[in-house]
């Protein structure tokens, strides 16, 4: 993920305390790589820890991760979460790959049960050092910026669990109405441009207006009605409307709440776009964990959803959001 906003790390304890905030959740059985360039955190990458007998299988993903990191960073800090027999061999494999890719490894730490160990030969850490998150300034800075880690990845996934029961029934009815309305509008004047169907201008204008109204409502802290959510999800199926929505994403907490709500309430047939827009919003805010989960949700709804595929590859490669946005703006309509 991309590191959120501006947060300072001044000690090993700060590093250990910071990782859950940078990831968005508390890692388990993980090898986390904090990537830096010019003493600034660029992004954070995470690999699953293999079992000791399977550590050789980490060589290929470690080399791929190191090559990606070398494109955007010059140094890295490794933090492994788990027992020594799993963290140490995995950290050695990734360290070797990073050095081969000309990335300096500044620290290698292991964290387990409230203690951390330095794996770089510092004898002061040989027996482990107990750490207290409350003693670090990092949590306070993160909370001030509105950043808080969830207990685990599953908690993030629950954020966008689809609504059920009466709420789902109401949304199905509202979605049926919205889709019929959109179908009627599209049948009135669809043209062919460059060999592809082009929606009528009034459909695009109506869709863009719905997006803008949703953003304005979100900024006021308002929740959209079922009919408004259904219509918004429907018009986002029009690529020109979806592209307007994503190019006006700003990574704000208000937009994040909006797209979480719309993703949860949208019917399966209309949820790909809202989930992808949530992923983009999270990506721009530096919340790579939520961005990955939202991309997965979008691709479950539509495995061929082009924008989600593009974003998924960018997240996997650790591409900073500003570079991805600049490269894809105006090239995503499908």
C-alpha atoms as a PDB file:
ATOM      1  CA  UNK A   1       0.000   0.000   0.000  1.00  0.00           C
ATOM      2  CA  UNK A   2       0.959   3.656  -0.297  1.00  0.00           C
ATOM      3  CA  UNK A   3       1.983   5.344   2.944  1.00  0.00           C
ATOM      4  CA  UNK A   4      -0.750   7.685   4.199  1.00  0.00           C
ATOM      5  CA  UNK A   5      -0.206  11.423   4.571  1.00  0.00           C
ATOM      6  CA  UNK A   6       2.828  12.557   6.652  1.00  0.00           C
ATOM      7  CA  UNK A   7       3.826  10.459   9.647  1.00  0.00           C
ATOM      8  CA  UNK A   8       7.240  10.392  11.338  1.00  0.00           C
ATOM      9  CA  UNK A   9       9.192   7.309  12.427  1.00  0.00           C
ATOM     10  CA  UNK A  10      12.062   8.077  14.784  1.00  0.00           C
ATOM     11  CA  UNK A  11      12.869   4.720  16.418  1.00  0.00           C
ATOM     12  CA  UNK A  12      12.545   0.952  16.036  1.00  0.00           C
ATOM     13  CA  UNK A  13       9.589   1.060  18.381  1.00  0.00           C
ATOM     14  CA  UNK A  14       7.923   3.630  16.145  1.00  0.00           C
ATOM     15  CA  UNK A  15       8.450   1.283  13.184  1.00  0.00           C
ATOM     16  CA  UNK A  16       6.866  -1.654  15.012  1.00  0.00           C
ATOM     17  CA  UNK A  17       3.943   0.463  16.204  1.00  0.00           C
ATOM     18  CA  UNK A  18       3.458   2.087  12.797  1.00  0.00           C
ATOM     19  CA  UNK A  19       3.143  -0.970  10.566  1.00  0.00           C
ATOM     20  CA  UNK A  20      -0.501  -1.809  11.449  1.00  0.00           C
ATOM     21  CA  UNK A  21      -1.458   1.813  10.734  1.00  0.00           C
ATOM     22  CA  UNK A  22       0.378   1.781   7.425  1.00  0.00           C
ATOM     23  CA  UNK A  23      -1.220  -1.519   6.402  1.00  0.00           C
ATOM     24  CA  UNK A  24      -4.685  -0.745   7.743  1.00  0.00           C
ATOM     25  CA  UNK A  25      -4.812  -3.870   9.911  1.00  0.00           C
ATOM     26  CA  UNK A  26      -2.696  -5.824  12.389  1.00  0.00           C
ATOM     27  CA  UNK A  27      -0.598  -8.313  10.386  1.00  0.00           C
ATOM     28  CA  UNK A  28      -0.185 -11.949  11.335  1.00  0.00           C
ATOM     29  CA  UNK A  29       2.192 -14.488   9.800  1.00  0.00           C
ATOM     30  CA  UNK A  30       3.424 -11.721   7.501  1.00  0.00           C
ATOM     31  CA  UNK A  31       6.627 -10.194   6.209  1.00  0.00           C
ATOM     32  CA  UNK A  32       6.110  -6.460   5.781  1.00  0.00           C
ATOM     33  CA  UNK A  33       8.409  -4.241   3.753  1.00  0.00           C
ATOM     34  CA  UNK A  34       8.342  -0.488   4.407  1.00  0.00           C
ATOM     35  CA  UNK A  35       9.767   1.170   1.300  1.00  0.00           C
ATOM     36  CA  UNK A  36      11.545   4.513   1.532  1.00  0.00           C
ATOM     37  CA  UNK A  37      13.049   7.015  -0.849  1.00  0.00           C
ATOM     38  CA  UNK A  38      14.904  10.122   0.319  1.00  0.00           C
ATOM     39  CA  UNK A  39      13.915   9.223   3.900  1.00  0.00           C
ATOM     40  CA  UNK A  40      10.212   9.291   3.000  1.00  0.00           C
ATOM     41  CA  UNK A  41       7.913   6.288   3.180  1.00  0.00           C
ATOM     42  CA  UNK A  42       6.645   5.589  -0.327  1.00  0.00           C
ATOM     43  CA  UNK A  43       4.526   2.509   0.283  1.00  0.00           C
ATOM     44  CA  UNK A  44       4.274  -0.731   2.231  1.00  0.00           C
ATOM     45  CA  UNK A  45       4.279  -4.237   0.751  1.00  0.00           C
ATOM     46  CA  UNK A  46       3.277  -7.456   2.527  1.00  0.00           C
ATOM     47  CA  UNK A  47       4.097 -11.110   1.851  1.00  0.00           C
ATOM     48  CA  UNK A  48       2.623 -14.159   3.582  1.00  0.00           C
ATOM     49  CA  UNK A  49       5.159 -16.075   5.656  1.00  0.00           C
ATOM     50  CA  UNK A  50       5.796 -19.555   4.254  1.00  0.00           C
ATOM     51  CA  UNK A  51       6.219 -22.573   6.471  1.00  0.00           C
ATOM     52  CA  UNK A  52       9.932 -23.293   7.183  1.00  0.00           C
ATOM     53  CA  UNK A  53       9.924 -26.277   4.816  1.00  0.00           C
ATOM     54  CA  UNK A  54       8.489 -24.114   2.013  1.00  0.00           C
ATOM     55  CA  UNK A  55      10.722 -21.044   2.310  1.00  0.00           C
ATOM     56  CA  UNK A  56      12.297 -21.836  -1.076  1.00  0.00           C
ATOM     57  CA  UNK A  57       8.951 -21.014  -2.650  1.00  0.00           C
ATOM     58  CA  UNK A  58       9.426 -17.413  -1.517  1.00  0.00           C
ATOM     59  CA  UNK A  59      12.387 -16.833  -3.846  1.00  0.00           C
ATOM     60  CA  UNK A  60      10.356 -15.936  -6.947  1.00  0.00           C
ATOM     61  CA  UNK A  61       7.847 -13.586  -5.245  1.00  0.00           C
ATOM     62  CA  UNK A  62      10.698 -12.013  -3.250  1.00  0.00           C
ATOM     63  CA  UNK A  63      12.634 -11.284  -6.457  1.00  0.00           C
ATOM     64  CA  UNK A  64       9.524  -9.847  -8.087  1.00  0.00           C
ATOM     65  CA  UNK A  65       8.775  -7.705  -5.032  1.00  0.00           C
ATOM     66  CA  UNK A  66      12.381  -6.472  -4.870  1.00  0.00           C
ATOM     67  CA  UNK A  67      12.377  -5.526  -8.554  1.00  0.00           C
ATOM     68  CA  UNK A  68       9.163  -3.563  -8.070  1.00  0.00           C
ATOM     69  CA  UNK A  69      10.497  -1.843  -4.938  1.00  0.00           C
ATOM     70  CA  UNK A  70      13.688  -0.797  -6.734  1.00  0.00           C
ATOM     71  CA  UNK A  71      11.593   1.229  -9.199  1.00  0.00           C
ATOM     72  CA  UNK A  72      10.117   3.477  -6.528  1.00  0.00           C
ATOM     73  CA  UNK A  73      12.381   3.275  -3.496  1.00  0.00           C
ATOM     74  CA  UNK A  74      16.044   3.190  -2.553  1.00  0.00           C
ATOM     75  CA  UNK A  75      15.799   1.623   0.898  1.00  0.00           C
ATOM     76  CA  UNK A  76      13.574  -0.706   2.895  1.00  0.00           C
ATOM     77  CA  UNK A  77      12.775  -1.792   6.428  1.00  0.00           C
ATOM     78  CA  UNK A  78      11.616  -5.380   6.947  1.00  0.00           C
ATOM     79  CA  UNK A  79       9.289  -6.363   9.792  1.00  0.00           C
ATOM     80  CA  UNK A  80       8.283  -9.996  10.201  1.00  0.00           C
ATOM     81  CA  UNK A  81       5.288 -11.027  12.301  1.00  0.00           C
ATOM     82  CA  UNK A  82       5.458 -14.554  13.696  1.00  0.00           C
ATOM     83  CA  UNK A  83       7.828 -17.122  15.239  1.00  0.00           C
ATOM     84  CA  UNK A  84      11.558 -17.045  14.553  1.00  0.00           C
ATOM     85  CA  UNK A  85      11.612 -20.258  12.523  1.00  0.00           C
ATOM     86  CA  UNK A  86       9.254 -18.680   9.991  1.00  0.00           C
ATOM     87  CA  UNK A  87      10.327 -15.020  10.032  1.00  0.00           C
ATOM     88  CA  UNK A  88      14.112 -15.377   9.925  1.00  0.00           C
ATOM     89  CA  UNK A  89      14.480 -17.544   6.797  1.00  0.00           C
ATOM     90  CA  UNK A  90      11.840 -15.508   4.949  1.00  0.00           C
ATOM     91  CA  UNK A  91      13.502 -12.235   5.919  1.00  0.00           C
ATOM     92  CA  UNK A  92      16.851 -13.576   4.707  1.00  0.00           C
ATOM     93  CA  UNK A  93      15.368 -14.466   1.309  1.00  0.00           C
ATOM     94  CA  UNK A  94      13.790 -11.024   0.865  1.00  0.00           C
ATOM     95  CA  UNK A  95      16.908  -9.233   2.142  1.00  0.00           C
ATOM     96  CA  UNK A  96      19.044 -11.059  -0.427  1.00  0.00           C
ATOM     97  CA  UNK A  97      16.602 -10.149  -3.207  1.00  0.00           C
ATOM     98  CA  UNK A  98      16.479  -6.486  -2.169  1.00  0.00           C
ATOM     99  CA  UNK A  99      20.257  -6.149  -2.023  1.00  0.00           C
ATOM    100  CA  UNK A 100      20.536  -7.790  -5.444  1.00  0.00           C
ATOM    101  CA  UNK A 101      18.084  -5.156  -6.718  1.00  0.00           C
ATOM    102  CA  UNK A 102      20.273  -2.394  -5.207  1.00  0.00           C
ATOM    103  CA  UNK A 103      17.827  -1.545  -2.431  1.00  0.00           C
ATOM    104  CA  UNK A 104      19.440  -0.837   0.945  1.00  0.00           C
ATOM    105  CA  UNK A 105      17.981  -2.810   3.875  1.00  0.00           C
ATOM    106  CA  UNK A 106      18.062  -0.473   6.872  1.00  0.00           C
ATOM    107  CA  UNK A 107      16.444  -2.696   9.498  1.00  0.00           C
ATOM    108  CA  UNK A 108      15.188  -6.253   9.835  1.00  0.00           C
ATOM    109  CA  UNK A 109      12.880  -6.780  12.806  1.00  0.00           C
ATOM    110  CA  UNK A 110      10.754  -9.627  14.092  1.00  0.00           C
ATOM    111  CA  UNK A 111       7.616  -8.973  16.132  1.00  0.00           C
ATOM    112  CA  UNK A 112       5.797 -11.532  18.252  1.00  0.00           C
ATOM    113  CA  UNK A 113       3.643 -11.384  21.381  1.00  0.00           C
ATOM    114  CA  UNK A 114       4.403  -7.805  22.351  1.00  0.00           C
ATOM    115  CA  UNK A 115       8.173  -7.941  21.770  1.00  0.00           C
ATOM    116  CA  UNK A 116      10.478  -7.199  18.875  1.00  0.00           C
ATOM    117  CA  UNK A 117      13.878  -8.567  17.903  1.00  0.00           C
ATOM    118  CA  UNK A 118      16.503  -6.983  15.671  1.00  0.00           C
ATOM    119  CA  UNK A 119      17.808  -9.482  13.109  1.00  0.00           C
ATOM    120  CA  UNK A 120      20.651  -7.219  11.940  1.00  0.00           C
ATOM    121  CA  UNK A 121      23.082  -8.280  14.654  1.00  0.00           C
ATOM    122  CA  UNK A 122      22.272  -5.693  17.352  1.00  0.00           C
ATOM    123  CA  UNK A 123      23.002  -7.560  20.603  1.00  0.00           C
ATOM    124  CA  UNK A 124      20.756  -5.168  22.552  1.00  0.00           C
ATOM    125  CA  UNK A 125      17.766  -6.839  20.858  1.00  0.00           C
ATOM    126  CA  UNK A 126      18.986 -10.428  21.236  1.00  0.00           C
ATOM    127  CA  UNK A 127      16.454 -11.289  23.945  1.00  0.00           C
ATOM    128  CA  UNK A 128      13.670  -9.218  22.487  1.00  0.00           C
ATOM    129  CA  UNK A 129      12.454  -5.787  23.518  1.00  0.00           C
ATOM    130  CA  UNK A 130       9.017  -5.258  24.987  1.00  0.00           C
ATOM    131  CA  UNK A 131       7.262  -2.343  23.335  1.00  0.00           C
ATOM    132  CA  UNK A 132       4.358  -0.190  24.392  1.00  0.00           C
ATOM    133  CA  UNK A 133       2.368   1.466  21.564  1.00  0.00           C
ATOM    134  CA  UNK A 134       1.103   4.069  24.010  1.00  0.00           C
ATOM    135  CA  UNK A 135       4.668   5.282  24.562  1.00  0.00           C
ATOM    136  CA  UNK A 136       5.078   6.200  20.892  1.00  0.00           C
ATOM    137  CA  UNK A 137       3.895   9.450  19.352  1.00  0.00           C
ATOM    138  CA  UNK A 138       2.876   7.611  16.205  1.00  0.00           C
ATOM    139  CA  UNK A 139      -0.620   6.451  17.282  1.00  0.00           C
ATOM    140  CA  UNK A 140      -1.581   9.961  18.338  1.00  0.00           C
ATOM    141  CA  UNK A 141      -0.371  11.393  15.030  1.00  0.00           C
ATOM    142  CA  UNK A 142      -2.221   8.690  13.119  1.00  0.00           C
ATOM    143  CA  UNK A 143      -5.461   9.204  15.050  1.00  0.00           C
ATOM    144  CA  UNK A 144      -5.205  12.946  14.434  1.00  0.00           C
ATOM    145  CA  UNK A 145      -5.051  12.172  10.708  1.00  0.00           C
ATOM    146  CA  UNK A 146      -8.007   9.802  10.988  1.00  0.00           C
ATOM    147  CA  UNK A 147      -5.969   6.589  10.554  1.00  0.00           C
ATOM    148  CA  UNK A 148      -6.742   3.560  12.708  1.00  0.00           C
ATOM    149  CA  UNK A 149      -5.888  -0.111  12.107  1.00  0.00           C
ATOM    150  CA  UNK A 150      -8.543  -2.809  12.203  1.00  0.00           C
ATOM    151  CA  UNK A 151      -7.937  -6.064  14.116  1.00  0.00           C
ATOM    152  CA  UNK A 152      -7.269  -8.093  10.970  1.00  0.00           C
ATOM    153  CA  UNK A 153      -7.934  -8.325   7.232  1.00  0.00           C
ATOM    154  CA  UNK A 154     -11.287 -10.009   7.826  1.00  0.00           C
ATOM    155  CA  UNK A 155     -12.502  -6.900   9.643  1.00  0.00           C
ATOM    156  CA  UNK A 156     -11.754  -4.865   6.517  1.00  0.00           C
ATOM    157  CA  UNK A 157     -13.721  -7.308   4.401  1.00  0.00           C
ATOM    158  CA  UNK A 158     -16.703  -6.942   6.718  1.00  0.00           C
ATOM    159  CA  UNK A 159     -16.767  -3.211   5.993  1.00  0.00           C
ATOM    160  CA  UNK A 160     -18.182  -3.928   2.538  1.00  0.00           C
ATOM    161  CA  UNK A 161     -20.323  -6.973   3.301  1.00  0.00           C
ATOM    162  CA  UNK A 162     -23.505  -6.674   1.192  1.00  0.00           C
ATOM    163  CA  UNK A 163     -26.679  -5.697   3.002  1.00  0.00           C
ATOM    164  CA  UNK A 164     -29.149  -8.472   3.754  1.00  0.00           C
ATOM    165  CA  UNK A 165     -32.785  -8.964   4.697  1.00  0.00           C
ATOM    166  CA  UNK A 166     -35.286  -6.131   4.150  1.00  0.00           C
ATOM    167  CA  UNK A 167     -32.523  -3.699   3.132  1.00  0.00           C
ATOM    168  CA  UNK A 168     -31.460  -6.031   0.331  1.00  0.00           C
ATOM    169  CA  UNK A 169     -35.082  -6.474  -0.792  1.00  0.00           C
ATOM    170  CA  UNK A 170     -35.619  -2.704  -0.933  1.00  0.00           C
ATOM    171  CA  UNK A 171     -32.422  -2.226  -2.928  1.00  0.00           C
ATOM    172  CA  UNK A 172     -33.414  -4.918  -5.424  1.00  0.00           C
ATOM    173  CA  UNK A 173     -36.714  -3.175  -6.072  1.00  0.00           C
ATOM    174  CA  UNK A 174     -35.037   0.241  -6.353  1.00  0.00           C
ATOM    175  CA  UNK A 175     -32.365  -1.191  -8.665  1.00  0.00           C
ATOM    176  CA  UNK A 176     -34.956  -2.748 -10.976  1.00  0.00           C
ATOM    177  CA  UNK A 177     -36.631   0.640 -11.316  1.00  0.00           C
ATOM    178  CA  UNK A 178     -33.308   2.432 -11.891  1.00  0.00           C
ATOM    179  CA  UNK A 179     -32.175  -0.034 -14.553  1.00  0.00           C
ATOM    180  CA  UNK A 180     -35.468   0.251 -16.430  1.00  0.00           C
ATOM    181  CA  UNK A 181     -35.113   4.035 -16.357  1.00  0.00           C
ATOM    182  CA  UNK A 182     -31.546   3.814 -17.673  1.00  0.00           C
ATOM    183  CA  UNK A 183     -32.557   1.373 -20.413  1.00  0.00           C
ATOM    184  CA  UNK A 184     -35.293   3.716 -21.583  1.00  0.00           C
ATOM    185  CA  UNK A 185     -32.882   6.669 -21.655  1.00  0.00           C
ATOM    186  CA  UNK A 186     -30.206   4.701 -23.514  1.00  0.00           C
ATOM    187  CA  UNK A 187     -32.665   3.592 -26.170  1.00  0.00           C
ATOM    188  CA  UNK A 188     -33.387   7.221 -26.949  1.00  0.00           C
ATOM    189  CA  UNK A 189     -30.520   8.344 -29.170  1.00  0.00           C
ATOM    190  CA  UNK A 190     -27.572   5.968 -28.720  1.00  0.00           C
ATOM    191  CA  UNK A 191     -24.999   6.695 -31.440  1.00  0.00           C
ATOM    192  CA  UNK A 192     -21.899   4.982 -32.820  1.00  0.00           C
ATOM    193  CA  UNK A 193     -18.518   6.651 -32.291  1.00  0.00           C
ATOM    194  CA  UNK A 194     -15.316   5.003 -33.502  1.00  0.00           C
ATOM    195  CA  UNK A 195     -17.167   1.751 -34.040  1.00  0.00           C
ATOM    196  CA  UNK A 196     -18.416   1.678 -30.424  1.00  0.00           C
ATOM    197  CA  UNK A 197     -21.869   2.566 -29.034  1.00  0.00           C
ATOM    198  CA  UNK A 198     -21.889   6.015 -27.497  1.00  0.00           C
ATOM    199  CA  UNK A 199     -24.586   6.862 -24.948  1.00  0.00           C
ATOM    200  CA  UNK A 200     -26.784   9.894 -25.534  1.00  0.00           C
ATOM    201  CA  UNK A 201     -25.399  13.113 -24.135  1.00  0.00           C
ATOM    202  CA  UNK A 202     -28.353  13.540 -21.793  1.00  0.00           C
ATOM    203  CA  UNK A 203     -27.585  10.139 -20.205  1.00  0.00           C
ATOM    204  CA  UNK A 204     -23.976  11.111 -19.541  1.00  0.00           C
ATOM    205  CA  UNK A 205     -25.035  14.516 -18.172  1.00  0.00           C
ATOM    206  CA  UNK A 206     -27.640  12.912 -15.925  1.00  0.00           C
ATOM    207  CA  UNK A 207     -25.075  10.411 -14.650  1.00  0.00           C
ATOM    208  CA  UNK A 208     -22.447  13.045 -13.951  1.00  0.00           C
ATOM    209  CA  UNK A 209     -25.062  15.081 -12.093  1.00  0.00           C
ATOM    210  CA  UNK A 210     -25.865  12.020  -9.947  1.00  0.00           C
ATOM    211  CA  UNK A 211     -22.180  11.594  -9.108  1.00  0.00           C
ATOM    212  CA  UNK A 212     -21.779  15.251  -8.177  1.00  0.00           C
ATOM    213  CA  UNK A 213     -24.918  15.193  -6.043  1.00  0.00           C
ATOM    214  CA  UNK A 214     -23.621  12.087  -4.255  1.00  0.00           C
ATOM    215  CA  UNK A 215     -20.294  13.772  -3.541  1.00  0.00           C
ATOM    216  CA  UNK A 216     -22.058  16.883  -2.249  1.00  0.00           C
ATOM    217  CA  UNK A 217     -24.323  14.791  -0.008  1.00  0.00           C
ATOM    218  CA  UNK A 218     -21.285  12.921   1.309  1.00  0.00           C
ATOM    219  CA  UNK A 219     -19.523  16.195   2.091  1.00  0.00           C
ATOM    220  CA  UNK A 220     -22.569  17.214   4.145  1.00  0.00           C
ATOM    221  CA  UNK A 221     -22.494  13.912   6.005  1.00  0.00           C
ATOM    222  CA  UNK A 222     -25.782  12.742   4.491  1.00  0.00           C
ATOM    223  CA  UNK A 223     -26.697   9.161   3.558  1.00  0.00           C
ATOM    224  CA  UNK A 224     -28.223   8.534   0.140  1.00  0.00           C
ATOM    225  CA  UNK A 225     -31.721   7.104  -0.172  1.00  0.00           C
ATOM    226  CA  UNK A 226     -32.261   3.644  -1.663  1.00  0.00           C
ATOM    227  CA  UNK A 227     -33.487   5.214  -4.902  1.00  0.00           C
ATOM    228  CA  UNK A 228     -30.446   7.502  -5.111  1.00  0.00           C
ATOM    229  CA  UNK A 229     -28.030   4.623  -4.483  1.00  0.00           C
ATOM    230  CA  UNK A 230     -29.780   2.474  -7.083  1.00  0.00           C
ATOM    231  CA  UNK A 231     -29.683   5.241  -9.701  1.00  0.00           C
ATOM    232  CA  UNK A 232     -26.055   6.096  -8.955  1.00  0.00           C
ATOM    233  CA  UNK A 233     -25.005   2.450  -9.253  1.00  0.00           C
ATOM    234  CA  UNK A 234     -26.964   2.149 -12.507  1.00  0.00           C
ATOM    235  CA  UNK A 235     -25.478   5.212 -14.241  1.00  0.00           C
ATOM    236  CA  UNK A 236     -21.977   4.169 -13.163  1.00  0.00           C
ATOM    237  CA  UNK A 237     -22.400   1.325 -15.664  1.00  0.00           C
ATOM    238  CA  UNK A 238     -21.943   4.012 -18.330  1.00  0.00           C
ATOM    239  CA  UNK A 239     -18.139   4.222 -18.794  1.00  0.00           C
ATOM    240  CA  UNK A 240     -18.112   8.000 -19.310  1.00  0.00           C
ATOM    241  CA  UNK A 241     -19.954   8.502 -16.021  1.00  0.00           C
ATOM    242  CA  UNK A 242     -17.714   6.046 -14.183  1.00  0.00           C
ATOM    243  CA  UNK A 243     -14.616   7.786 -15.562  1.00  0.00           C
ATOM    244  CA  UNK A 244     -15.904  11.154 -14.352  1.00  0.00           C
ATOM    245  CA  UNK A 245     -16.478   9.636 -10.917  1.00  0.00           C
ATOM    246  CA  UNK A 246     -13.007   8.168 -10.579  1.00  0.00           C
ATOM    247  CA  UNK A 247     -11.142  11.178 -11.946  1.00  0.00           C
ATOM    248  CA  UNK A 248     -12.912  13.322  -9.338  1.00  0.00           C
ATOM    249  CA  UNK A 249     -12.097  10.958  -6.470  1.00  0.00           C
ATOM    250  CA  UNK A 250     -10.012  12.794  -3.896  1.00  0.00           C
ATOM    251  CA  UNK A 251      -9.264  10.139  -1.284  1.00  0.00           C
ATOM    252  CA  UNK A 252     -11.309  11.956   1.361  1.00  0.00           C
ATOM    253  CA  UNK A 253     -12.971  10.220   4.290  1.00  0.00           C
ATOM    254  CA  UNK A 254     -16.328  11.507   3.027  1.00  0.00           C
ATOM    255  CA  UNK A 255     -15.933   9.823  -0.345  1.00  0.00           C
ATOM    256  CA  UNK A 256     -14.621   6.680   1.328  1.00  0.00           C
ATOM    257  CA  UNK A 257     -17.795   6.455   3.436  1.00  0.00           C
ATOM    258  CA  UNK A 258     -19.933   7.130   0.360  1.00  0.00           C
ATOM    259  CA  UNK A 259     -18.427   4.319  -1.717  1.00  0.00           C
ATOM    260  CA  UNK A 260     -18.461   1.868   1.189  1.00  0.00           C
ATOM    261  CA  UNK A 261     -22.180   2.545   1.581  1.00  0.00           C
ATOM    262  CA  UNK A 262     -22.943   2.295  -2.143  1.00  0.00           C
ATOM    263  CA  UNK A 263     -20.841  -0.860  -2.508  1.00  0.00           C
ATOM    264  CA  UNK A 264     -22.702  -2.545   0.341  1.00  0.00           C
ATOM    265  CA  UNK A 265     -26.142  -1.566  -0.939  1.00  0.00           C
ATOM    266  CA  UNK A 266     -25.667  -2.023  -4.686  1.00  0.00           C
ATOM    267  CA  UNK A 267     -27.061  -5.222  -6.183  1.00  0.00           C
ATOM    268  CA  UNK A 268     -24.517  -7.778  -7.465  1.00  0.00           C
ATOM    269  CA  UNK A 269     -25.113  -6.754 -11.080  1.00  0.00           C
ATOM    270  CA  UNK A 270     -24.303  -3.092 -10.389  1.00  0.00           C
ATOM    271  CA  UNK A 271     -21.631  -3.357  -7.669  1.00  0.00           C
ATOM    272  CA  UNK A 272     -18.476  -3.574  -9.805  1.00  0.00           C
ATOM    273  CA  UNK A 273     -18.177   0.178 -10.404  1.00  0.00           C
ATOM    274  CA  UNK A 274     -18.889   1.349  -6.822  1.00  0.00           C
ATOM    275  CA  UNK A 275     -16.432  -1.215  -5.448  1.00  0.00           C
ATOM    276  CA  UNK A 276     -13.782  -0.064  -7.920  1.00  0.00           C
ATOM    277  CA  UNK A 277     -14.405   3.571  -6.974  1.00  0.00           C
ATOM    278  CA  UNK A 278     -14.005   2.626  -3.314  1.00  0.00           C
ATOM    279  CA  UNK A 279     -10.708   0.979  -4.220  1.00  0.00           C
ATOM    280  CA  UNK A 280      -9.506   4.135  -5.982  1.00  0.00           C
ATOM    281  CA  UNK A 281     -10.568   6.348  -3.077  1.00  0.00           C
ATOM    282  CA  UNK A 282      -8.754   4.089  -0.599  1.00  0.00           C
ATOM    283  CA  UNK A 283      -5.700   3.957  -2.890  1.00  0.00           C
ATOM    284  CA  UNK A 284      -5.508   7.748  -3.060  1.00  0.00           C
ATOM    285  CA  UNK A 285      -5.766   7.919   0.739  1.00  0.00           C
ATOM    286  CA  UNK A 286      -2.925   5.427   1.174  1.00  0.00           C
ATOM    287  CA  UNK A 287      -5.166   2.602   2.411  1.00  0.00           C
ATOM    288  CA  UNK A 288      -3.809  -0.180   0.256  1.00  0.00           C
ATOM    289  CA  UNK A 289      -5.417  -2.948   2.316  1.00  0.00           C
ATOM    290  CA  UNK A 290      -8.937  -1.626   1.737  1.00  0.00           C
ATOM    291  CA  UNK A 291      -8.066  -0.859  -1.888  1.00  0.00           C
ATOM    292  CA  UNK A 292      -7.061  -4.484  -2.487  1.00  0.00           C
ATOM    293  CA  UNK A 293     -10.201  -5.830  -0.831  1.00  0.00           C
ATOM    294  CA  UNK A 294     -12.406  -3.473  -2.840  1.00  0.00           C
ATOM    295  CA  UNK A 295     -10.656  -4.471  -6.093  1.00  0.00           C
ATOM    296  CA  UNK A 296     -11.336  -8.110  -5.255  1.00  0.00           C
ATOM    297  CA  UNK A 297     -14.993  -7.267  -4.644  1.00  0.00           C
ATOM    298  CA  UNK A 298     -15.227  -5.434  -7.972  1.00  0.00           C
ATOM    299  CA  UNK A 299     -13.666  -8.333  -9.876  1.00  0.00           C
ATOM    300  CA  UNK A 300     -15.944 -10.854  -8.182  1.00  0.00           C
ATOM    301  CA  UNK A 301     -18.887  -8.846  -9.501  1.00  0.00           C
ATOM    302  CA  UNK A 302     -17.315  -8.577 -12.979  1.00  0.00           C
ATOM    303  CA  UNK A 303     -14.062 -10.505 -13.620  1.00  0.00           C
ATOM    304  CA  UNK A 304     -13.506  -8.490 -16.816  1.00  0.00           C
ATOM    305  CA  UNK A 305     -13.898  -5.055 -15.233  1.00  0.00           C
ATOM    306  CA  UNK A 306     -11.032  -3.217 -16.942  1.00  0.00           C
ATOM    307  CA  UNK A 307     -10.466  -0.387 -14.467  1.00  0.00           C
ATOM    308  CA  UNK A 308     -10.365  -2.811 -11.520  1.00  0.00           C
ATOM    309  CA  UNK A 309      -7.872  -4.964 -13.415  1.00  0.00           C
ATOM    310  CA  UNK A 310      -5.648  -1.925 -14.032  1.00  0.00           C
ATOM    311  CA  UNK A 311      -5.824  -0.865 -10.404  1.00  0.00           C
ATOM    312  CA  UNK A 312      -5.188  -4.386  -9.158  1.00  0.00           C
ATOM    313  CA  UNK A 313      -1.981  -4.582 -11.193  1.00  0.00           C
ATOM    314  CA  UNK A 314      -0.881  -1.171  -9.902  1.00  0.00           C
ATOM    315  CA  UNK A 315      -1.490  -2.211  -6.303  1.00  0.00           C
ATOM    316  CA  UNK A 316       0.399  -5.453  -6.805  1.00  0.00           C
ATOM    317  CA  UNK A 317       3.324  -3.533  -8.286  1.00  0.00           C
ATOM    318  CA  UNK A 318       3.271  -0.869  -5.566  1.00  0.00           C
ATOM    319  CA  UNK A 319       2.826   1.985  -8.058  1.00  0.00           C
ATOM    320  CA  UNK A 320       2.267   5.313  -6.250  1.00  0.00           C
ATOM    321  CA  UNK A 321      -1.293   6.571  -6.890  1.00  0.00           C
ATOM    322  CA  UNK A 322      -0.233   9.857  -8.481  1.00  0.00           C
ATOM    323  CA  UNK A 323       1.769   7.994 -11.136  1.00  0.00           C
ATOM    324  CA  UNK A 324      -1.060   5.530 -11.772  1.00  0.00           C
ATOM    325  CA  UNK A 325      -3.660   8.269 -11.998  1.00  0.00           C
ATOM    326  CA  UNK A 326      -1.543  10.273 -14.437  1.00  0.00           C
ATOM    327  CA  UNK A 327      -0.943   7.210 -16.588  1.00  0.00           C
ATOM    328  CA  UNK A 328      -4.574   6.084 -16.744  1.00  0.00           C
ATOM    329  CA  UNK A 329      -6.544   9.337 -16.873  1.00  0.00           C
ATOM    330  CA  UNK A 330      -8.472   9.467 -20.100  1.00  0.00           C
ATOM    331  CA  UNK A 331      -7.569   5.893 -21.073  1.00  0.00           C
ATOM    332  CA  UNK A 332      -9.987   3.824 -19.041  1.00  0.00           C
ATOM    333  CA  UNK A 333     -13.333   3.943 -20.866  1.00  0.00           C
ATOM    334  CA  UNK A 334     -14.466   0.463 -21.799  1.00  0.00           C
END
